[in-house]
Every structure is written in C-alpha cells, then in structure tokens.
Amino acid sequence: MSRNTRKREGFSSGLAVFFATLSSAVGLGNIWKFPYLTGDNGGGAFLIIYIAFALLLGIPVMMCEFYIGRSTKRNAVGAIDRIKPGSLWKIIGYAGLLSAYLIMFFYSSVAGWVYSYIFKSIRGTLSHLSTEDIQSIFDKTVSSSFEPIFWQVFALAVVGSILVLGVRNGIERLTKILMPILFILIIICDIRALTLPGSLEGIKFLFYPDFSSLTKNSILIALGLAFFKLSLGMGTMITYSSYFTDDNNMLATSLKVAFSDLCISLLAGIAIFPTVFTFGVKVNSGPGLLFKTIPLVFSKLPFGNILMTMFFILTAIAATTAMMSIVEVTVAILTEELKISRKSSVMLNCLIIAVFGSLATLSSSSSSLLADIKIFGKTFFDFFDYVSSNVLLPLGGLLIAVFTGYIIKKEKFIFEISNKNSLEQKYAFSLLFILIKYVTPFLLLIILLNSLSLIN
C-alpha cells in the first residue's frame, strides 16, 4: 500500500484526545501572561468575566473547529474544501497555515530561551546573582548571534523528532507523558511557594475579587484571553480534532480542556507570585517574569536551584506541546495536500521555521544583529507577532464562526457533535449553535477591532 493511500492516523481513545487537545491549549502564556493579567485586573472579579467569555466565545469557536475537523477527517485546508468544495472559504485554512508559520517564527525563539535556561539552571549559572547579573545573562541569551539560534534549532529538533513519529507514536504518546509531568511539577512548586512568608499576598494578588479594578480595558483583555488562550483561529483544533475518535463527546472535551487550561494557569500563578511577593520583587508582565524575576527569586530559596530547574522544565513542556500542535497544522497540510511523506513534511516545515525564525531571533532585542531592520516600523520579531496575533488569529476565528453559523446547516452541525444523535444534550447543542451564529461573531469582531486599535 502506498503512503498516500494508507489509512489516516487518529487518536486511540478519549483520554488521548483530552491530553492532546489540552497540550495544544497550554503554552507559555499560561505560565506568565494569564496569572499576571488576572492579578493585575481584579483577581477573582477578572476570573468571573473570563469564564463568562470562555463560555460565550472560547467554547463555541473550539466546537466549530472540532466539527470542521472531525466531520471531514482532513487538515485545515482540506477540511474546508471538503465541506464547501471550490469556494473562497478555503482561505480559512490558508490563513491558519500562515498564522501557524508566523507564530512559530517568533514562538520557537522564545522556546529556545526556555531550553537554554534549563541548562543554565542545571549548571548553576543562575544561582546567587544580583539583578544586574540576571539582566546581563538574559541580554546575552537573546542578543548574541549564535546562542539563541542554537537553542531555537534545538527546540525545533525536539518538536520535529516527536512529530515525525506520527499521531499515535508521537503526539499521543508524548502528550500522555508530558501533561501529567507538567501538572506534577507545578504542584511541587506550588507546595514550596505556599510555605513562604509572602504566600498570602501572592494568593490575594491572584484571587481577591477587586471589582473596582475592573475597567473597560480589563473586560477587553478577558475577552481576548478567552479566545487567544485556547489556541483557536489558526487551525490547530481543526487539525487535532481530525484525529478524534468518532464516539468522542466533543462538547465535554471542550469544557474539560478549557477548565484544565484555566487550572494550569492559576497553579502556575500560585507557584510564581507567593515567591515574588516574599522577596519584594516587582511584579511585571511579559517574558521578563520568566527570565529575570524567576531566577532572581528562586535562587534565594533553600534548594532553589532544583526548584528553578523544575520550573523551567515545566515551562519547556508547555512550550513544546504548544509548538507540536502548531507545527502539526503545517505538517498535515503539506502531507495531505502536496502528497509528500510525513517525514519529509516535518523536515521541510522545521527547515522553513528555522530559516525565517532566525530573522525573529536575531531581532528580538535592541542589541540584536537585525534589530535595525524594520517592516512597517517593527522588527521581524514584532512584525511576525503583530500580524499573527492582531490580524490573522482574530480574523481566522471570525471566519470560522461565520462559516459554521451561516454556511453549515444547523441539523448537520448538531448531528455531528451529538455523535449522530446518540448524546442526550439536545438543548445544549441548540443553544451552542445560537451562540455560534449570533453572539460569538460579534465578540470576535470586537477582538479584531481592538487588536487593530480601532476601539478606544
């Protein structure tokens, strides 16, 4: 049997579906971005707003992608073409492909920094240093011409070596191992953090419901996070759901993934902020929290170097599993649309990402080699980030919701997500379709306009 007529791979069970889908949603943003934004925008009050938007926006878009992927058993481009052959709606798949590439160009760079910090912490390079020393190490890590490229290629090699093994032997097997390990490592860090004198302040920062801190901007942040945080709009969920089992309860899966993703974010916050408050270090947003603050505060703890190493390992796991799902979008499209082998597709995609990603890596700081080269006033790193995050992802999500709500018939949608009417959730499915058709597109339009700074 030729490689092009071989039966398409898929996940083996509901547990495999859950771990793989969760691994796609969990990424670096879970570790630093969401916990900080939660604490800085009202804590528990912000969480209430976020959960509401996750139900009105995140879950519906995820279910749209689940429907498109599982009902067709195709990649992000082929799936749309199978539902609506020869139509312009195929642009959804190509927008997802472009988004995946642009995101990987800069995301693989940051993932490389994480991997480099694992080895730095193991060697003790980050122990007992001053703020200036930590800053100097970070600057050297991101601005030199060789080190960041080496670690970017290293991170891509890890991802590529997993993906080349296939859906079951690669993605499924590794996510079943890595996601529980990530959870265990976070819990260990949490237990240590909660024994610190500043733990109460850290927990208060995260969870105290301060409704006075809620502003219009806070609500827009919560709305954006409900979409961006779940790895939507770029075809990852279409691709992964094309590997789902036919009896999987996709609504239950989406709810479990969204809830687990939120829990991991909050557990990461519990690991970070009690430590930060104990040592009076400034709470700041951005990757600096990972690469500057964490080494500084963990190095002051007994056995802090061990905890620091564990923390960067769990961060690397989050980065790696997220990268796997993004690269798989490109791999599936090239394999199925261009009819090339999986191994060739993985190698070609990793090569493309390494070449163009080096532009991002060499422009990631003001002292980097390519920092002075600008596209519309932005460095390569910032340009790749802006176009994918501010344009393609919200636009892709909007098109997916409109396509599902207005092109796909309600009866066909409910028939598929109810597993051919075998699931007794008729009213929930009908309500879901109403949200997809009338509420979700409106919220996605707000995200798109806000991302483009068209809403004051």
Protein backbone atom coordinates (compact mmCIF):
# COMPACT_ATOMS: atom_id res chain seq x y z
CA MET A 1 0.00 0.00 0.00
CA SER A 2 1.44 3.39 -0.94
CA ARG A 3 1.99 6.10 1.60
CA ASN A 4 -0.75 8.23 0.01
CA THR A 5 -3.44 5.55 0.27
CA ARG A 6 -2.50 4.39 3.74
CA LYS A 7 -5.26 4.74 6.32
CA ARG A 8 -5.16 8.12 8.05
CA GLU A 9 -3.94 8.06 11.65
CA GLY A 10 -6.05 9.12 14.61
CA PHE A 11 -6.00 9.21 18.40
CA SER A 12 -6.76 5.92 20.12
CA SER A 13 -9.05 6.99 22.97
CA GLY A 14 -10.92 9.77 24.74
CA LEU A 15 -8.03 10.18 27.18
CA ALA A 16 -5.60 10.64 24.28
CA VAL A 17 -7.95 13.23 22.77
CA PHE A 18 -8.10 15.14 26.06
CA PHE A 19 -4.34 15.23 26.69
CA ALA A 20 -3.51 16.16 23.10
CA THR A 21 -6.13 18.92 22.94
CA LEU A 22 -5.12 20.28 26.35
CA SER A 23 -1.46 20.25 25.32
CA SER A 24 -2.38 22.42 22.34
CA ALA A 25 -4.15 24.98 24.55
CA VAL A 26 -1.43 25.12 27.22
CA GLY A 27 1.56 27.27 26.28
CA LEU A 28 3.98 29.87 27.58
CA GLY A 29 1.12 32.34 28.12
CA ASN A 30 -0.30 30.02 30.81
CA ILE A 31 2.89 30.36 32.81
CA TRP A 32 3.40 34.13 32.84
CA LYS A 33 0.72 36.07 30.95
CA PHE A 34 -2.60 34.84 32.30
CA PRO A 35 -1.63 34.77 36.02
CA TYR A 36 -0.21 38.29 35.85
CA LEU A 37 -3.18 39.72 33.92
CA THR A 38 -5.59 38.07 36.35
CA GLY A 39 -3.95 39.62 39.40
CA ASP A 40 -3.48 43.00 37.75
CA ASN A 41 -7.10 43.29 36.60
CA GLY A 42 -9.14 42.43 39.65
CA GLY A 43 -8.19 38.85 40.57
CA GLY A 44 -11.34 36.86 41.26
CA ALA A 45 -13.51 39.51 39.59
CA PHE A 46 -11.46 39.17 36.40
CA LEU A 47 -11.78 35.38 36.56
CA ILE A 48 -15.58 35.65 36.60
CA ILE A 49 -15.50 37.81 33.46
CA TYR A 50 -13.00 35.49 31.78
CA ILE A 51 -15.08 32.37 32.49
CA ALA A 52 -18.19 34.06 31.09
CA PHE A 53 -16.37 34.92 27.87
CA ALA A 54 -14.88 31.44 27.68
CA LEU A 55 -18.42 30.04 27.64
CA LEU A 56 -19.71 32.62 25.14
CA LEU A 57 -16.67 32.65 22.87
CA GLY A 58 -13.91 30.15 23.62
CA ILE A 59 -16.06 27.01 23.79
CA PRO A 60 -18.19 27.90 20.72
CA VAL A 61 -15.15 28.57 18.49
CA MET A 62 -13.47 25.40 19.74
CA MET A 63 -16.63 23.44 18.89
CA CYS A 64 -16.68 25.00 15.41
CA GLU A 65 -13.15 23.76 14.83
CA PHE A 66 -13.97 20.35 16.34
CA TYR A 67 -16.93 20.00 13.96
CA ILE A 68 -14.91 21.00 10.89
CA GLY A 69 -12.02 18.68 11.75
CA ARG A 70 -13.80 15.53 12.89
CA SER A 71 -16.60 15.61 10.31
CA THR A 72 -14.09 15.72 7.44
CA LYS A 73 -11.02 13.93 8.85
CA ARG A 74 -8.87 16.38 6.91
CA ASN A 75 -6.29 19.08 7.50
CA ALA A 76 -7.26 22.76 7.94
CA VAL A 77 -7.25 23.47 4.19
CA GLY A 78 -8.72 20.17 3.02
CA ALA A 79 -11.46 20.20 5.66
CA ILE A 80 -12.98 23.46 4.44
CA ASP A 81 -12.69 22.33 0.82
CA ARG A 82 -14.50 19.10 1.61
CA ILE A 83 -17.41 20.93 3.25
CA LYS A 84 -17.61 23.67 0.60
CA PRO A 85 -15.67 22.48 -2.48
CA GLY A 86 -14.03 25.08 -4.67
CA SER A 87 -15.20 28.05 -2.59
CA LEU A 88 -13.29 31.03 -1.29
CA TRP A 89 -13.93 29.75 2.24
CA LYS A 90 -10.74 27.72 1.81
CA ILE A 91 -8.99 30.96 2.78
CA ILE A 92 -9.72 29.93 6.40
CA GLY A 93 -7.29 27.04 6.04
CA TYR A 94 -4.62 29.10 4.31
CA ALA A 95 -4.95 31.87 6.92
CA GLY A 96 -4.43 29.19 9.56
CA LEU A 97 -1.36 27.92 7.72
CA LEU A 98 0.12 31.42 7.52
CA SER A 99 -0.72 32.07 11.18
CA ALA A 100 0.99 28.85 12.21
CA TYR A 101 4.16 29.79 10.36
CA LEU A 102 4.30 33.37 11.66
CA ILE A 103 3.66 32.28 15.24
CA MET A 104 6.34 29.61 15.05
CA PHE A 105 8.88 32.09 13.66
CA PHE A 106 8.93 34.00 16.97
CA TYR A 107 7.50 31.40 19.39
CA SER A 108 10.32 28.94 18.60
CA SER A 109 12.76 31.71 19.50
CA VAL A 110 11.25 32.19 22.97
CA ALA A 111 11.03 28.41 23.42
CA GLY A 112 14.76 28.29 22.70
CA TRP A 113 15.38 30.76 25.51
CA VAL A 114 13.44 28.46 27.86
CA TYR A 115 15.53 25.44 26.89
CA SER A 116 18.73 27.41 27.37
CA TYR A 117 17.61 28.38 30.88
CA ILE A 118 17.09 24.73 31.81
CA PHE A 119 20.77 24.08 31.15
CA LYS A 120 21.81 27.34 32.80
CA SER A 121 19.93 26.40 35.97
CA ILE A 122 21.34 22.85 35.95
CA ARG A 123 24.89 24.25 35.69
CA GLY A 124 24.20 26.72 38.50
CA THR A 125 24.77 29.73 36.23
CA LEU A 126 21.66 31.44 37.61
CA SER A 127 22.38 30.93 41.32
CA HIS A 128 23.15 33.71 43.82
CA LEU A 129 23.22 36.53 41.29
CA SER A 130 22.31 40.18 41.52
CA THR A 131 19.58 41.84 39.48
CA GLU A 132 22.25 43.26 37.19
CA ASP A 133 23.81 39.83 36.67
CA ILE A 134 20.46 38.27 35.80
CA GLN A 135 19.76 41.10 33.34
CA SER A 136 23.18 40.64 31.77
CA ILE A 137 22.64 36.89 31.30
CA PHE A 138 19.24 37.47 29.68
CA ASP A 139 20.62 40.15 27.36
CA LYS A 140 23.43 37.85 26.25
CA THR A 141 21.00 34.97 25.75
CA VAL A 142 18.71 36.89 23.39
CA SER A 143 21.13 39.24 21.64
CA SER A 144 24.17 37.13 20.72
CA SER A 145 24.45 35.84 17.18
CA PHE A 146 24.97 32.14 17.93
CA GLU A 147 23.43 31.08 21.26
CA PRO A 148 19.76 31.98 20.59
CA ILE A 149 19.91 30.43 17.09
CA PHE A 150 21.37 27.22 18.53
CA TRP A 151 18.62 26.90 21.12
CA GLN A 152 15.89 27.78 18.63
CA VAL A 153 17.08 24.97 16.36
CA PHE A 154 17.34 22.69 19.41
CA ALA A 155 13.68 23.39 20.32
CA LEU A 156 12.60 22.72 16.73
CA ALA A 157 14.61 19.49 16.68
CA VAL A 158 12.77 18.30 19.78
CA VAL A 159 9.39 19.08 18.24
CA GLY A 160 10.33 17.61 14.87
CA SER A 161 11.62 14.36 16.40
CA ILE A 162 8.25 13.90 18.11
CA LEU A 163 6.08 14.77 15.11
CA VAL A 164 7.99 12.54 12.72
CA LEU A 165 6.87 9.55 14.81
CA GLY A 166 3.26 10.20 13.82
CA VAL A 167 -0.04 10.92 15.55
CA ARG A 168 -0.17 7.94 17.93
CA ASN A 169 3.50 7.16 18.46
CA GLY A 170 4.47 10.83 18.57
CA ILE A 171 1.77 13.33 19.57
CA GLU A 172 -0.43 10.95 21.58
CA ARG A 173 2.33 9.10 23.40
CA LEU A 174 4.28 12.23 24.34
CA THR A 175 1.28 14.29 25.48
CA LYS A 176 0.11 11.41 27.67
CA ILE A 177 3.51 11.53 29.37
CA LEU A 178 4.27 15.26 29.35
CA MET A 179 0.95 16.71 30.53
CA PRO A 180 0.86 14.71 33.82
CA ILE A 181 4.55 15.56 34.39
CA LEU A 182 3.79 19.26 33.86
CA PHE A 183 0.95 19.04 36.39
CA ILE A 184 3.11 17.25 38.98
CA LEU A 185 5.96 19.78 38.62
CA ILE A 186 3.55 22.71 39.06
CA ILE A 187 2.09 21.13 42.21
CA ILE A 188 5.58 20.65 43.70
CA CYS A 189 6.44 24.28 43.00
CA ASP A 190 3.07 25.33 44.47
CA ILE A 191 3.65 23.43 47.70
CA ARG A 192 7.01 25.13 48.18
CA ALA A 193 5.63 28.55 47.28
CA LEU A 194 2.75 28.26 49.75
CA THR A 195 5.20 27.76 52.64
CA LEU A 196 6.79 31.17 52.06
CA PRO A 197 6.03 34.24 54.22
CA GLY A 198 4.64 36.15 51.24
CA SER A 199 2.31 33.39 50.09
CA LEU A 200 -0.82 35.14 51.39
CA GLU A 201 -0.03 38.30 49.43
CA GLY A 202 0.60 36.24 46.31
CA ILE A 203 -2.68 34.36 46.66
CA LYS A 204 -4.52 37.60 47.35
CA PHE A 205 -2.98 39.15 44.23
CA LEU A 206 -4.34 36.26 42.16
CA PHE A 207 -7.75 35.55 43.65
CA TYR A 208 -9.05 38.50 45.71
CA PRO A 209 -12.13 39.81 43.83
CA ASP A 210 -11.44 43.52 43.40
CA PHE A 211 -14.32 44.76 41.25
CA SER A 212 -13.01 48.32 41.47
CA SER A 213 -10.04 47.23 39.32
CA LEU A 214 -12.34 46.12 36.51
CA THR A 215 -12.26 48.62 33.69
CA LYS A 216 -13.36 48.57 30.06
CA ASN A 217 -9.80 47.57 29.20
CA SER A 218 -9.93 44.71 31.73
CA ILE A 219 -13.07 43.38 30.05
CA LEU A 220 -11.43 43.58 26.63
CA ILE A 221 -8.38 41.75 28.00
CA ALA A 222 -10.62 39.00 29.40
CA LEU A 223 -12.44 38.77 26.07
CA GLY A 224 -9.19 38.45 24.14
CA LEU A 225 -7.79 35.84 26.51
CA ALA A 226 -10.94 33.72 26.20
CA PHE A 227 -10.05 33.38 22.52
CA PHE A 228 -6.26 33.52 22.26
CA LYS A 229 -5.52 31.35 25.29
CA LEU A 230 -7.22 28.24 23.88
CA SER A 231 -5.13 28.02 20.70
CA LEU A 232 -8.01 28.97 18.41
CA GLY A 233 -8.20 30.56 14.98
CA MET A 234 -5.07 29.00 13.45
CA GLY A 235 -6.30 25.51 12.59
CA THR A 236 -4.72 23.61 15.49
CA MET A 237 -8.05 22.43 16.84
CA ILE A 238 -9.27 21.60 13.32
CA THR A 239 -6.16 19.51 12.79
CA TYR A 240 -6.23 17.74 16.15
CA SER A 241 -9.98 17.11 16.00
CA SER A 242 -9.50 15.44 12.62
CA TYR A 243 -7.73 12.73 14.64
CA PHE A 244 -10.58 12.41 17.19
CA THR A 245 -12.42 9.14 17.74
CA ASP A 246 -15.96 9.10 16.32
CA ASP A 247 -17.51 8.46 19.73
CA ASN A 248 -15.76 11.34 21.50
CA ASN A 249 -18.10 13.74 23.31
CA MET A 250 -16.66 16.90 21.83
CA LEU A 251 -18.66 19.32 24.00
CA ALA A 252 -17.47 17.55 27.15
CA THR A 253 -13.91 17.57 25.78
CA SER A 254 -14.02 21.31 25.09
CA LEU A 255 -15.32 22.06 28.59
CA LYS A 256 -12.71 19.84 30.24
CA VAL A 257 -9.91 21.36 28.17
CA ALA A 258 -10.99 24.95 28.94
CA PHE A 259 -11.32 24.17 32.67
CA SER A 260 -7.99 22.31 32.87
CA ASP A 261 -6.23 25.05 30.92
CA LEU A 262 -7.52 27.63 33.40
CA CYS A 263 -6.44 25.48 36.35
CA ILE A 264 -2.89 25.12 34.99
CA SER A 265 -2.65 28.90 34.54
CA LEU A 266 -3.77 29.55 38.10
CA LEU A 267 -1.50 26.85 39.51
CA ALA A 268 1.40 28.50 37.68
CA GLY A 269 0.42 31.78 39.32
CA ILE A 270 0.40 30.13 42.73
CA ALA A 271 3.94 28.87 42.04
CA ILE A 272 5.19 32.31 40.97
CA PHE A 273 3.56 35.11 42.94
CA PRO A 274 3.99 33.98 46.57
CA THR A 275 7.71 33.78 45.79
CA VAL A 276 7.71 37.17 44.07
CA PHE A 277 5.93 38.87 46.97
CA THR A 278 8.10 37.17 49.59
CA PHE A 279 11.24 38.78 48.19
CA GLY A 280 9.62 42.08 47.25
CA VAL A 281 10.47 41.78 43.58
CA LYS A 282 8.49 43.98 41.20
CA VAL A 283 5.57 42.15 39.62
CA ASN A 284 5.83 42.73 35.89
CA SER A 285 4.27 41.28 32.79
CA GLY A 286 5.99 39.84 29.79
CA PRO A 287 8.66 37.19 29.29
CA GLY A 288 10.86 39.13 31.71
CA LEU A 289 8.88 37.50 34.51
CA LEU A 290 10.22 34.13 33.34
CA PHE A 291 13.79 35.02 32.52
CA LYS A 292 14.60 37.76 35.01
CA THR A 293 12.30 37.54 38.02
CA ILE A 294 12.06 33.75 38.43
CA PRO A 295 15.84 33.13 38.54
CA LEU A 296 16.26 36.02 40.96
CA VAL A 297 13.68 34.85 43.48
CA PHE A 298 14.17 31.09 43.22
CA SER A 299 17.90 31.44 43.77
CA LYS A 300 17.18 32.89 47.21
CA LEU A 301 15.31 29.78 48.38
CA PRO A 302 16.81 26.69 50.02
CA PHE A 303 17.20 24.13 47.20
CA GLY A 304 16.09 26.96 44.93
CA ASN A 305 18.27 25.79 42.06
CA ILE A 306 16.40 22.47 41.97
CA LEU A 307 13.05 24.25 42.02
CA MET A 308 14.23 26.65 39.33
CA THR A 309 15.29 23.77 37.10
CA MET A 310 11.93 22.07 37.62
CA PHE A 311 10.12 25.30 36.82
CA PHE A 312 11.96 25.78 33.54
CA ILE A 313 11.39 22.12 32.64
CA LEU A 314 7.63 22.51 33.11
CA THR A 315 7.77 25.75 31.10
CA ALA A 316 9.65 23.92 28.33
CA ILE A 317 6.98 21.20 28.34
CA ALA A 318 4.26 23.83 27.89
CA ALA A 319 6.21 25.45 25.06
CA THR A 320 6.98 22.14 23.35
CA THR A 321 3.45 20.75 23.37
CA ALA A 322 2.07 24.06 22.08
CA MET A 323 4.67 24.07 19.31
CA MET A 324 3.79 20.48 18.40
CA SER A 325 0.17 21.42 17.74
CA ILE A 326 1.09 24.49 15.70
CA VAL A 327 3.66 22.71 13.54
CA GLU A 328 1.23 19.80 13.07
CA VAL A 329 -1.08 22.22 11.24
CA THR A 330 1.61 22.80 8.63
CA VAL A 331 2.70 19.16 8.55
CA ALA A 332 -0.84 17.86 7.94
CA ILE A 333 -1.48 20.37 5.16
CA LEU A 334 1.76 19.63 3.30
CA THR A 335 1.40 15.86 3.78
CA GLU A 336 -2.19 15.65 2.55
CA GLU A 337 -2.40 18.48 0.03
CA LEU A 338 1.04 18.05 -1.57
CA LYS A 339 1.07 14.25 -1.14
CA ILE A 340 4.53 14.07 0.44
CA SER A 341 5.62 11.76 3.24
CA ARG A 342 5.18 12.78 6.86
CA LYS A 343 8.92 12.66 7.46
CA SER A 344 9.61 14.97 4.52
CA SER A 345 6.84 17.33 5.62
CA VAL A 346 8.19 17.56 9.17
CA MET A 347 11.74 18.20 7.97
CA LEU A 348 10.65 20.77 5.38
CA ASN A 349 8.46 22.67 7.86
CA CYS A 350 11.12 22.72 10.56
CA LEU A 351 13.61 24.00 7.99
CA ILE A 352 11.23 26.79 6.88
CA ILE A 353 10.60 27.78 10.51
CA ALA A 354 14.32 27.70 11.35
CA VAL A 355 15.27 29.90 8.39
CA PHE A 356 12.58 32.56 8.82
CA GLY A 357 12.57 32.16 12.59
CA SER A 358 16.23 33.15 12.67
CA LEU A 359 15.11 36.59 11.46
CA ALA A 360 12.94 36.90 14.56
CA THR A 361 15.64 35.53 16.83
CA LEU A 362 18.24 37.96 15.52
CA SER A 363 15.90 40.93 16.01
CA SER A 364 14.40 40.10 19.41
CA SER A 365 16.29 42.77 21.37
CA SER A 366 17.56 46.27 20.69
CA SER A 367 21.15 44.99 20.53
CA SER A 368 20.43 42.02 18.24
CA LEU A 369 22.12 41.75 14.85
CA LEU A 370 18.97 42.54 12.81
CA ALA A 371 17.32 44.91 15.28
CA ASP A 372 17.67 47.92 12.97
CA ILE A 373 15.84 46.30 10.05
CA LYS A 374 12.18 47.29 10.26
CA ILE A 375 8.96 46.28 8.47
CA PHE A 376 6.32 48.98 8.86
CA GLY A 377 8.31 50.25 11.83
CA LYS A 378 8.55 46.83 13.50
CA THR A 379 11.40 44.37 13.88
CA PHE A 380 10.97 40.92 12.34
CA PHE A 381 10.14 39.52 15.80
CA ASP A 382 7.46 42.14 16.49
CA PHE A 383 6.10 42.04 12.93
CA PHE A 384 5.54 38.27 13.00
CA ASP A 385 3.88 38.62 16.40
CA TYR A 386 1.67 41.55 15.40
CA VAL A 387 0.37 40.13 12.11
CA SER A 388 -0.44 36.73 13.59
CA SER A 389 -1.86 37.85 16.94
CA ASN A 390 -3.60 41.07 15.92
CA VAL A 391 -4.82 40.24 12.43
CA LEU A 392 -4.79 36.60 11.35
CA LEU A 393 -5.93 34.86 14.54
CA PRO A 394 -9.00 37.03 15.31
CA LEU A 395 -9.86 37.18 11.60
CA GLY A 396 -9.50 33.40 11.34
CA GLY A 397 -11.70 32.86 14.38
CA LEU A 398 -14.34 35.23 12.98
CA LEU A 399 -14.38 33.44 9.61
CA ILE A 400 -14.61 30.03 11.30
CA ALA A 401 -17.60 31.15 13.39
CA VAL A 402 -19.37 32.75 10.40
CA PHE A 403 -18.66 29.70 8.22
CA THR A 404 -20.09 27.34 10.83
CA GLY A 405 -23.07 29.51 11.74
CA TYR A 406 -24.15 30.56 8.25
CA ILE A 407 -22.77 28.03 5.76
CA ILE A 408 -23.21 24.78 7.68
CA LYS A 409 -26.79 23.72 8.33
CA LYS A 410 -27.83 23.55 11.96
CA GLU A 411 -29.10 19.99 11.57
CA LYS A 412 -25.76 18.75 10.17
CA PHE A 413 -23.83 20.52 12.90
CA ILE A 414 -25.93 19.07 15.72
CA PHE A 415 -25.96 15.61 14.10
CA GLU A 416 -22.16 15.53 14.09
CA ILE A 417 -21.42 16.97 17.53
CA SER A 418 -24.15 14.78 19.10
CA ASN A 419 -22.40 11.72 17.66
CA LYS A 420 -25.26 11.03 15.26
CA ASN A 421 -27.89 11.95 17.88
CA SER A 422 -26.56 9.41 20.39
CA LEU A 423 -25.81 12.06 23.04
CA GLU A 424 -28.72 13.36 25.09
CA GLN A 425 -27.76 17.04 25.08
CA LYS A 426 -30.23 18.37 22.51
CA TYR A 427 -30.91 21.74 24.17
CA ALA A 428 -27.23 22.36 24.92
CA PHE A 429 -26.34 21.77 21.27
CA SER A 430 -29.12 24.05 20.05
CA LEU A 431 -28.01 26.81 22.44
CA LEU A 432 -24.43 26.33 21.28
CA PHE A 433 -25.43 26.87 17.65
CA ILE A 434 -27.33 30.04 18.58
CA LEU A 435 -24.19 31.38 20.28
CA ILE A 436 -22.08 30.49 17.24
CA LYS A 437 -24.46 32.24 14.89
CA TYR A 438 -25.32 35.41 16.78
CA VAL A 439 -23.07 36.04 19.81
CA THR A 440 -19.62 34.63 19.04
CA PRO A 441 -19.06 36.51 15.73
CA PHE A 442 -19.94 39.81 17.43
CA LEU A 443 -17.43 39.17 20.22
CA LEU A 444 -14.76 38.14 17.71
CA LEU A 445 -15.36 41.33 15.75
CA ILE A 446 -14.73 43.31 18.93
CA ILE A 447 -11.46 41.39 19.47
CA LEU A 448 -10.36 42.08 15.90
CA LEU A 449 -11.18 45.81 16.11
CA ASN A 450 -9.47 46.07 19.50
CA SER A 451 -6.40 44.21 18.23
CA LEU A 452 -6.13 46.70 15.38
CA SER A 453 -6.52 49.60 17.89
CA LEU A 454 -9.78 50.66 16.26
CA ILE A 455 -11.59 50.69 19.62
CA ASN A 456 -10.56 53.39 22.08
